[in-house]
PDB file of N, CA and C in Angstrom:
ATOM      1  N   MET A   1     116.644 123.814 102.636  1.00  0.00           N
ATOM      2  CA  MET A   1     115.551 123.297 101.824  1.00  0.00           C
ATOM      3  C   MET A   1     116.133 122.327 100.792  1.00  0.00           C
ATOM      4  N   SER A   2     115.529 121.147 100.681  1.00  0.00           N
ATOM      5  CA  SER A   2     116.048 120.124  99.770  1.00  0.00           C
ATOM      6  C   SER A   2     115.689 120.442  98.322  1.00  0.00           C
ATOM      7  N   ASP A   3     116.442 119.821  97.409  1.00  0.00           N
ATOM      8  CA  ASP A   3     116.140 119.967  95.983  1.00  0.00           C
ATOM      9  C   ASP A   3     114.747 119.439  95.677  1.00  0.00           C
ATOM     10  N   THR A   4     114.361 118.378  96.366  1.00  0.00           N
ATOM     11  CA  THR A   4     113.041 117.790  96.159  1.00  0.00           C
ATOM     12  C   THR A   4     111.954 118.777  96.551  1.00  0.00           C
ATOM     13  N   PHE A   5     112.133 119.439  97.686  1.00  0.00           N
ATOM     14  CA  PHE A   5     111.138 120.437  98.097  1.00  0.00           C
ATOM     15  C   PHE A   5     111.066 121.570  97.081  1.00  0.00           C
ATOM     16  N   THR A   6     112.192 121.971  96.549  1.00  0.00           N
ATOM     17  CA  THR A   6     112.214 123.031  95.542  1.00  0.00           C
ATOM     18  C   THR A   6     111.419 122.619  94.305  1.00  0.00           C
ATOM     19  N   VAL A   7     111.578 121.368  93.879  1.00  0.00           N
ATOM     20  CA  VAL A   7     110.810 120.870  92.735  1.00  0.00           C
ATOM     21  C   VAL A   7     109.321 120.870  93.060  1.00  0.00           C
ATOM     22  N   LEU A   8     108.963 120.415  94.263  1.00  0.00           N
ATOM     23  CA  LEU A   8     107.560 120.432  94.677  1.00  0.00           C
ATOM     24  C   LEU A   8     107.004 121.850  94.666  1.00  0.00           C
ATOM     25  N   ARG A   9     107.774 122.767  95.243  1.00  0.00           N
ATOM     26  CA  ARG A   9     107.340 124.166  95.275  1.00  0.00           C
ATOM     27  C   ARG A   9     107.123 124.693  93.865  1.00  0.00           C
ATOM     28  N   ASP A  10     108.060 124.442  92.983  1.00  0.00           N
ATOM     29  CA  ASP A  10     107.935 124.921  91.605  1.00  0.00           C
ATOM     30  C   ASP A  10     106.710 124.327  90.918  1.00  0.00           C
ATOM     31  N   CYS A  11     106.455 123.037  91.141  1.00  0.00           N
ATOM     32  CA  CYS A  11     105.263 122.390  90.566  1.00  0.00           C
ATOM     33  C   CYS A  11     103.988 123.063  91.071  1.00  0.00           C
ATOM     34  N   LEU A  12     103.919 123.257  92.374  1.00  0.00           N
ATOM     35  CA  LEU A  12     102.715 123.833  92.959  1.00  0.00           C
ATOM     36  C   LEU A  12     102.474 125.265  92.488  1.00  0.00           C
ATOM     37  N   VAL A  13     103.535 126.032  92.427  1.00  0.00           N
ATOM     38  CA  VAL A  13     103.400 127.435  92.016  1.00  0.00           C
ATOM     39  C   VAL A  13     103.111 127.540  90.521  1.00  0.00           C
ATOM     40  N   ASN A  14     103.864 126.800  89.705  1.00  0.00           N
ATOM     41  CA  ASN A  14     103.753 126.953  88.253  1.00  0.00           C
ATOM     42  C   ASN A  14     102.628 126.145  87.616  1.00  0.00           C
ATOM     43  N   GLU A  15     102.345 124.968  88.154  1.00  0.00           N
ATOM     44  CA  GLU A  15     101.336 124.100  87.538  1.00  0.00           C
ATOM     45  C   GLU A  15      99.959 124.234  88.178  1.00  0.00           C
ATOM     46  N   PHE A  16      99.923 124.569  89.470  1.00  0.00           N
ATOM     47  CA  PHE A  16      98.652 124.608  90.188  1.00  0.00           C
ATOM     48  C   PHE A  16      98.294 126.006  90.683  1.00  0.00           C
ATOM     49  N   ASP A  17      99.103 126.989  90.332  1.00  0.00           N
ATOM     50  CA  ASP A  17      98.857 128.390  90.695  1.00  0.00           C
ATOM     51  C   ASP A  17      98.694 128.630  92.194  1.00  0.00           C
ATOM     52  N   VAL A  18      99.436 127.872  92.985  1.00  0.00           N
ATOM     53  CA  VAL A  18      99.431 128.085  94.428  1.00  0.00           C
ATOM     54  C   VAL A  18     100.357 129.268  94.704  1.00  0.00           C
ATOM     55  N   PRO A  19      99.901 130.256  95.484  1.00  0.00           N
ATOM     56  CA  PRO A  19     100.781 131.390  95.802  1.00  0.00           C
ATOM     57  C   PRO A  19     102.058 130.915  96.510  1.00  0.00           C
ATOM     58  N   ALA A  20     103.191 131.396  96.048  1.00  0.00           N
ATOM     59  CA  ALA A  20     104.493 130.958  96.561  1.00  0.00           C
ATOM     60  C   ALA A  20     104.618 131.143  98.071  1.00  0.00           C
ATOM     61  N   ASP A  21     104.001 132.184  98.624  1.00  0.00           N
ATOM     62  CA  ASP A  21     104.122 132.419 100.064  1.00  0.00           C
ATOM     63  C   ASP A  21     103.354 131.394 100.903  1.00  0.00           C
ATOM     64  N   ARG A  22     102.507 130.589 100.282  1.00  0.00           N
ATOM     65  CA  ARG A  22     101.768 129.534 100.996  1.00  0.00           C
ATOM     66  C   ARG A  22     102.494 128.193 100.945  1.00  0.00           C
ATOM     67  N   VAL A  23     103.518 128.090 100.093  1.00  0.00           N
ATOM     68  CA  VAL A  23     104.235 126.828  99.917  1.00  0.00           C
ATOM     69  C   VAL A  23     105.416 126.789 100.882  1.00  0.00           C
ATOM     70  N   GLU A  24     105.203 126.069 101.984  1.00  0.00           N
ATOM     71  CA  GLU A  24     106.235 125.913 103.000  1.00  0.00           C
ATOM     72  C   GLU A  24     106.194 124.476 103.500  1.00  0.00           C
ATOM     73  N   PRO A  25     107.271 123.986 104.092  1.00  0.00           N
ATOM     74  CA  PRO A  25     107.328 122.569 104.488  1.00  0.00           C
ATOM     75  C   PRO A  25     106.175 122.109 105.381  1.00  0.00           C
ATOM     76  N   GLY A  26     105.658 122.979 106.232  1.00  0.00           N
ATOM     77  CA  GLY A  26     104.585 122.594 107.147  1.00  0.00           C
ATOM     78  C   GLY A  26     103.188 122.679 106.560  1.00  0.00           C
ATOM     79  N   ALA A  27     103.056 123.195 105.358  1.00  0.00           N
ATOM     80  CA  ALA A  27     101.734 123.331 104.736  1.00  0.00           C
ATOM     81  C   ALA A  27     101.218 121.964 104.304  1.00  0.00           C
ATOM     82  N   THR A  28      99.948 121.706 104.570  1.00  0.00           N
ATOM     83  CA  THR A  28      99.352 120.457 104.095  1.00  0.00           C
ATOM     84  C   THR A  28      98.799 120.669 102.699  1.00  0.00           C
ATOM     85  N   LEU A  29      98.660 119.576 101.989  1.00  0.00           N
ATOM     86  CA  LEU A  29      98.084 119.666 100.645  1.00  0.00           C
ATOM     87  C   LEU A  29      96.647 120.169 100.721  1.00  0.00           C
ATOM     88  N   ALA A  30      95.928 119.804 101.765  1.00  0.00           N
ATOM     89  CA  ALA A  30      94.557 120.285 101.945  1.00  0.00           C
ATOM     90  C   ALA A  30      94.535 121.795 102.151  1.00  0.00           C
ATOM     91  N   SER A  31      95.506 122.321 102.904  1.00  0.00           N
ATOM     92  CA  SER A  31      95.528 123.767 103.152  1.00  0.00           C
ATOM     93  C   SER A  31      95.828 124.558 101.879  1.00  0.00           C
ATOM     94  N   LEU A  32      96.408 123.875 100.888  1.00  0.00           N
ATOM     95  CA  LEU A  32      96.683 124.526  99.602  1.00  0.00           C
ATOM     96  C   LEU A  32      95.509 124.374  98.645  1.00  0.00           C
ATOM     97  N   GLU A  33      94.434 123.750  99.152  1.00  0.00           N
ATOM     98  CA  GLU A  33      93.175 123.595  98.419  1.00  0.00           C
ATOM     99  C   GLU A  33      93.333 122.788  97.136  1.00  0.00           C
ATOM    100  N   LEU A  34      94.116 121.713  97.216  1.00  0.00           N
ATOM    101  CA  LEU A  34      94.267 120.815  96.076  1.00  0.00           C
ATOM    102  C   LEU A  34      93.209 119.725  96.170  1.00  0.00           C
ATOM    103  N   ASP A  35      92.437 119.556  95.118  1.00  0.00           N
ATOM    104  CA  ASP A  35      91.418 118.509  95.118  1.00  0.00           C
ATOM    105  C   ASP A  35      92.042 117.169  94.743  1.00  0.00           C
ATOM    106  N   SER A  36      91.223 116.112  94.723  1.00  0.00           N
ATOM    107  CA  SER A  36      91.758 114.769  94.484  1.00  0.00           C
ATOM    108  C   SER A  36      92.404 114.642  93.108  1.00  0.00           C
ATOM    109  N   LEU A  37      91.854 115.289  92.108  1.00  0.00           N
ATOM    110  CA  LEU A  37      92.464 115.245  90.777  1.00  0.00           C
ATOM    111  C   LEU A  37      93.830 115.937  90.787  1.00  0.00           C
ATOM    112  N   ALA A  38      93.931 117.055  91.482  1.00  0.00           N
ATOM    113  CA  ALA A  38      95.208 117.763  91.582  1.00  0.00           C
ATOM    114  C   ALA A  38      96.248 116.902  92.305  1.00  0.00           C
ATOM    115  N   LEU A  39      95.819 116.120  93.295  1.00  0.00           N
ATOM    116  CA  LEU A  39      96.753 115.244  94.003  1.00  0.00           C
ATOM    117  C   LEU A  39      97.298 114.167  93.078  1.00  0.00           C
ATOM    118  N   VAL A  40      96.437 113.629  92.225  1.00  0.00           N
ATOM    119  CA  VAL A  40      96.886 112.630  91.248  1.00  0.00           C
ATOM    120  C   VAL A  40      97.869 113.275  90.273  1.00  0.00           C
ATOM    121  N   GLU A  41      97.525 114.458  89.783  1.00  0.00           N
ATOM    122  CA  GLU A  41      98.414 115.172  88.857  1.00  0.00           C
ATOM    123  C   GLU A  41      99.750 115.476  89.528  1.00  0.00           C
ATOM    124  N   LEU A  42      99.715 115.888  90.787  1.00  0.00           N
ATOM    125  CA  LEU A  42     100.952 116.187  91.509  1.00  0.00           C
ATOM    126  C   LEU A  42     101.807 114.935  91.650  1.00  0.00           C
ATOM    127  N   SER A  43     101.184 113.802  91.951  1.00  0.00           N
ATOM    128  CA  SER A  43     101.967 112.568  92.086  1.00  0.00           C
ATOM    129  C   SER A  43     102.644 112.203  90.773  1.00  0.00           C
ATOM    130  N   LEU A  44     101.963 112.441  89.651  1.00  0.00           N
ATOM    131  CA  LEU A  44     102.561 112.169  88.340  1.00  0.00           C
ATOM    132  C   LEU A  44     103.710 113.126  88.040  1.00  0.00           C
ATOM    133  N   LEU A  45     103.540 114.392  88.397  1.00  0.00           N
ATOM    134  CA  LEU A  45     104.615 115.366  88.189  1.00  0.00           C
ATOM    135  C   LEU A  45     105.837 115.036  89.047  1.00  0.00           C
ATOM    136  N   VAL A  46     105.591 114.616  90.277  1.00  0.00           N
ATOM    137  CA  VAL A  46     106.705 114.247  91.157  1.00  0.00           C
ATOM    138  C   VAL A  46     107.463 113.069  90.551  1.00  0.00           C
ATOM    139  N   GLU A  47     106.715 112.090  90.061  1.00  0.00           N
ATOM    140  CA  GLU A  47     107.370 110.926  89.453  1.00  0.00           C
ATOM    141  C   GLU A  47     108.182 111.340  88.230  1.00  0.00           C
ATOM    142  N   GLU A  48     107.618 112.207  87.418  1.00  0.00           N
ATOM    143  CA  GLU A  48     108.291 112.648  86.191  1.00  0.00           C
ATOM    144  C   GLU A  48     109.528 113.494  86.482  1.00  0.00           C
ATOM    145  N   ARG A  49     109.417 114.422  87.408  1.00  0.00           N
ATOM    146  CA  ARG A  49     110.494 115.390  87.636  1.00  0.00           C
ATOM    147  C   ARG A  49     111.521 114.956  88.665  1.00  0.00           C
ATOM    148  N   ILE A  50     111.109 114.111  89.599  1.00  0.00           N
ATOM    149  CA  ILE A  50     112.021 113.697  90.663  1.00  0.00           C
ATOM    150  C   ILE A  50     112.455 112.251  90.467  1.00  0.00           C
ATOM    151  N   GLY A  51     111.616 111.471  89.820  1.00  0.00           N
ATOM    152  CA  GLY A  51     111.929 110.065  89.605  1.00  0.00           C
ATOM    153  C   GLY A  51     111.520 109.180  90.759  1.00  0.00           C
ATOM    154  N   ALA A  52     110.591 109.660  91.578  1.00  0.00           N
ATOM    155  CA  ALA A  52     110.117 108.880  92.725  1.00  0.00           C
ATOM    156  C   ALA A  52     108.608 108.717  92.631  1.00  0.00           C
ATOM    157  N   THR A  53     108.151 107.480  92.789  1.00  0.00           N
ATOM    158  CA  THR A  53     106.719 107.222  92.777  1.00  0.00           C
ATOM    159  C   THR A  53     106.168 107.464  94.176  1.00  0.00           C
ATOM    160  N   VAL A  54     105.244 108.389  94.269  1.00  0.00           N
ATOM    161  CA  VAL A  54     104.610 108.716  95.555  1.00  0.00           C
ATOM    162  C   VAL A  54     103.092 108.632  95.368  1.00  0.00           C
ATOM    163  N   SER A  55     102.616 107.415  95.250  1.00  0.00           N
ATOM    164  CA  SER A  55     101.201 107.198  94.956  1.00  0.00           C
ATOM    165  C   SER A  55     100.298 107.389  96.164  1.00  0.00           C
ATOM    166  N   ASP A  56     100.859 107.474  97.353  1.00  0.00           N
ATOM    167  CA  ASP A  56     100.061 107.588  98.561  1.00  0.00           C
ATOM    168  C   ASP A  56      99.996 109.031  99.068  1.00  0.00           C
ATOM    169  N   ILE A  57      99.742 109.969  98.160  1.00  0.00           N
ATOM    170  CA  ILE A  57      99.625 111.370  98.551  1.00  0.00           C
ATOM    171  C   ILE A  57      98.239 111.582  99.154  1.00  0.00           C
ATOM    172  N   ARG A  58      98.207 112.126 100.355  1.00  0.00           N
ATOM    173  CA  ARG A  58      96.943 112.372 101.058  1.00  0.00           C
ATOM    174  C   ARG A  58      96.820 113.861 101.370  1.00  0.00           C
ATOM    175  N   PRO A  59      95.585 114.353 101.433  1.00  0.00           N
ATOM    176  CA  PRO A  59      95.381 115.785 101.706  1.00  0.00           C
ATOM    177  C   PRO A  59      96.033 116.260 103.002  1.00  0.00           C
ATOM    178  N   GLY A  60      96.135 115.385 104.007  1.00  0.00           N
ATOM    179  CA  GLY A  60      96.725 115.784 105.278  1.00  0.00           C
ATOM    180  C   GLY A  60      98.243 115.749 105.306  1.00  0.00           C
ATOM    181  N   SER A  61      98.862 115.260 104.242  1.00  0.00           N
ATOM    182  CA  SER A  61     100.326 115.213 104.172  1.00  0.00           C
ATOM    183  C   SER A  61     100.892 116.623 104.065  1.00  0.00           C
ATOM    184  N   THR A  62     101.996 116.851 104.762  1.00  0.00           N
ATOM    185  CA  THR A  62     102.659 118.144 104.614  1.00  0.00           C
ATOM    186  C   THR A  62     103.620 118.076 103.435  1.00  0.00           C
ATOM    187  N   LEU A  63     103.988 119.220 102.934  1.00  0.00           N
ATOM    188  CA  LEU A  63     104.944 119.268 101.829  1.00  0.00           C
ATOM    189  C   LEU A  63     106.303 118.731 102.282  1.00  0.00           C
ATOM    190  N   GLY A  64     106.672 119.005 103.517  1.00  0.00           N
ATOM    191  CA  GLY A  64     107.923 118.475 104.053  1.00  0.00           C
ATOM    192  C   GLY A  64     107.911 116.958 104.115  1.00  0.00           C
ATOM    193  N   ASP A  65     106.763 116.386 104.540  1.00  0.00           N
ATOM    194  CA  ASP A  65     106.629 114.925 104.581  1.00  0.00           C
ATOM    195  C   ASP A  65     106.718 114.344 103.177  1.00  0.00           C
ATOM    196  N   LEU A  66     106.059 114.991 102.231  1.00  0.00           N
ATOM    197  CA  LEU A  66     106.063 114.513 100.848  1.00  0.00           C
ATOM    198  C   LEU A  66     107.481 114.547 100.263  1.00  0.00           C
ATOM    199  N   ALA A  67     108.196 115.637 100.514  1.00  0.00           N
ATOM    200  CA  ALA A  67     109.574 115.752 100.019  1.00  0.00           C
ATOM    201  C   ALA A  67     110.466 114.680 100.660  1.00  0.00           C
ATOM    202  N   ALA A  68     110.305 114.470 101.963  1.00  0.00           N
ATOM    203  CA  ALA A  68     111.111 113.460 102.659  1.00  0.00           C
ATOM    204  C   ALA A  68     110.792 112.062 102.134  1.00  0.00           C
ATOM    205  N   HIS A  69     109.515 111.795 101.889  1.00  0.00           N
ATOM    206  CA  HIS A  69     109.118 110.487 101.359  1.00  0.00           C
ATOM    207  C   HIS A  69     109.718 110.276  99.965  1.00  0.00           C
ATOM    208  N   ALA A  70     109.635 111.290  99.103  1.00  0.00           N
ATOM    209  CA  ALA A  70     110.193 111.183  97.752  1.00  0.00           C
ATOM    210  C   ALA A  70     111.704 110.968  97.816  1.00  0.00           C
ATOM    211  N   ASP A  71     112.378 111.664  98.720  1.00  0.00           N
ATOM    212  CA  ASP A  71     113.829 111.469  98.886  1.00  0.00           C
ATOM    213  C   ASP A  71     114.142 110.038  99.323  1.00  0.00           C
ATOM    214  N   ALA A  72     113.342 109.507 100.241  1.00  0.00           N
ATOM    215  CA  ALA A  72     113.561 108.139 100.734  1.00  0.00           C
ATOM    216  C   ALA A  72     113.330 107.119  99.626  1.00  0.00           C
ATOM    217  N   VAL A  73     112.307 107.332  98.808  1.00  0.00           N
ATOM    218  CA  VAL A  73     112.020 106.425  97.700  1.00  0.00           C
ATOM    219  C   VAL A  73     113.174 106.441  96.710  1.00  0.00           C
ATOM    220  N   ARG A  74     113.660 107.634  96.389  1.00  0.00           N
ATOM    221  CA  ARG A  74     114.796 107.738  95.453  1.00  0.00           C
ATOM    222  C   ARG A  74     116.035 107.077  96.018  1.00  0.00           C
ATOM    223  N   ALA A  75     116.287 107.260  97.296  1.00  0.00           N
ATOM    224  CA  ALA A  75     117.485 106.685  97.920  1.00  0.00           C
ATOM    225  C   ALA A  75     117.420 105.157  97.953  1.00  0.00           C
ATOM    226  N   ALA A  76     116.225 104.611  98.079  1.00  0.00           N
ATOM    227  CA  ALA A  76     116.066 103.161  98.160  1.00  0.00           C
ATOM    228  C   ALA A  76     116.009 102.495  96.791  1.00  0.00           C
ATOM    229  N   ALA A  77     115.855 103.286  95.746  1.00  0.00           N
ATOM    230  CA  ALA A  77     115.737 102.731  94.396  1.00  0.00           C
ATOM    231  C   ALA A  77     117.071 102.132  93.955  1.00  0.00           C
ATOM    232  N   PRO A  78     117.008 100.992  93.271  1.00  0.00           N
ATOM    233  CA  PRO A  78     118.249 100.405  92.751  1.00  0.00           C
ATOM    234  C   PRO A  78     118.848 101.291  91.668  1.00  0.00           C
ATOM    235  N   ALA A  79     120.133 101.161  91.473  1.00  0.00           N
ATOM    236  CA  ALA A  79     120.805 101.934  90.427  1.00  0.00           C
ATOM    237  C   ALA A  79     120.233 101.541  89.076  1.00  0.00           C
ATOM    238  N   PRO A  80     120.164 102.488  88.137  1.00  0.00           N
ATOM    239  CA  PRO A  80     119.649 102.177  86.809  1.00  0.00           C
ATOM    240  C   PRO A  80     120.466 101.064  86.142  1.00  0.00           C
ATOM    241  N   ALA A  81     119.795 100.213  85.414  1.00  0.00           N
ATOM    242  CA  ALA A  81     120.428  99.074  84.762  1.00  0.00           C
ATOM    243  C   ALA A  81     121.472  99.505  83.735  1.00  0.00           C
ATOM    244  N   ALA A  82     121.257 100.646  83.101  1.00  0.00           N
ATOM    245  CA  ALA A  82     122.193 101.121  82.075  1.00  0.00           C
ATOM    246  C   ALA A  82     123.587 101.316  82.649  1.00  0.00           C
ATOM    247  N   SER A  83     123.688 101.880  83.854  1.00  0.00           N
ATOM    248  CA  SER A  83     125.009 102.095  84.434  1.00  0.00           C
ATOM    249  C   SER A  83     125.680 100.769  84.793  1.00  0.00           C
ATOM    250  N   THR A  84     124.878  99.789  85.197  1.00  0.00           N
ATOM    251  CA  THR A  84     125.423  98.473  85.494  1.00  0.00           C
ATOM    252  C   THR A  84     125.967  97.836  84.225  1.00  0.00           C
ATOM    253  N   THR A  85     125.219  97.975  83.126  1.00  0.00           N
ATOM    254  CA  THR A  85     125.646  97.411  81.850  1.00  0.00           C
ATOM    255  C   THR A  85     126.938  98.076  81.386  1.00  0.00           C
ATOM    256  N   LEU A  86     127.013  99.383  81.525  1.00  0.00           N
ATOM    257  CA  LEU A  86     128.218 100.083  81.119  1.00  0.00           C
ATOM    258  C   LEU A  86     129.416  99.652  81.963  1.00  0.00           C
ATOM    259  N   ALA A  87     129.207  99.494  83.256  1.00  0.00           N
ATOM    260  CA  ALA A  87     130.313  99.071  84.117  1.00  0.00           C
ATOM    261  C   ALA A  87     130.755  97.651  83.761  1.00  0.00           C
ATOM    262  N   SER A  88     129.807  96.783  83.464  1.00  0.00           N
ATOM    263  CA  SER A  88     130.159  95.414  83.103  1.00  0.00           C
ATOM    264  C   SER A  88     130.927  95.381  81.780  1.00  0.00           C
ATOM    265  N   SER A  89     130.530  96.228  80.836  1.00  0.00           N
ATOM    266  CA  SER A  89     131.198  96.281  79.537  1.00  0.00           C
ATOM    267  C   SER A  89     132.618  96.800  79.682  1.00  0.00           C
ATOM    268  N   ALA A  90     132.831  97.714  80.587  1.00  0.00           N
ATOM    269  CA  ALA A  90     134.157  98.296  80.765  1.00  0.00           C
ATOM    270  C   ALA A  90     135.126  97.282  81.347  1.00  0.00           C
ATOM    271  N   VAL A  91     134.604  96.349  82.144  1.00  0.00           N
ATOM    272  CA  VAL A  91     135.436  95.347  82.773  1.00  0.00           C
ATOM    273  C   VAL A  91     135.838  94.273  81.774  1.00  0.00           C
ATOM    274  N   SER A  92     134.961  93.959  80.826  1.00  0.00           N
ATOM    275  CA  SER A  92     135.200  92.847  79.873  1.00  0.00           C
ATOM    276  C   SER A  92     136.316  93.126  78.937  1.00  0.00           C
TER     277      SER A  92
END
């Protein structure tokens, strides 16, 4: 189980009161009975806690798909500018 999935699971259990035994990679967001407002809130929590913007969350998406998408977004993101600045300063 990925760290991203663990964060998703924790969000769903702690913030949305989804029973932990229902949170598995194959579960869809619809099967967890999350309404459209909850999906928006979940996307904001994912962005805040994981650092990946996942604005295209749909009720039919599985938790495994969502975790994989968030991982892909994070992997494709450019390195933070602060680390580039620090590396450039160290060279000068």
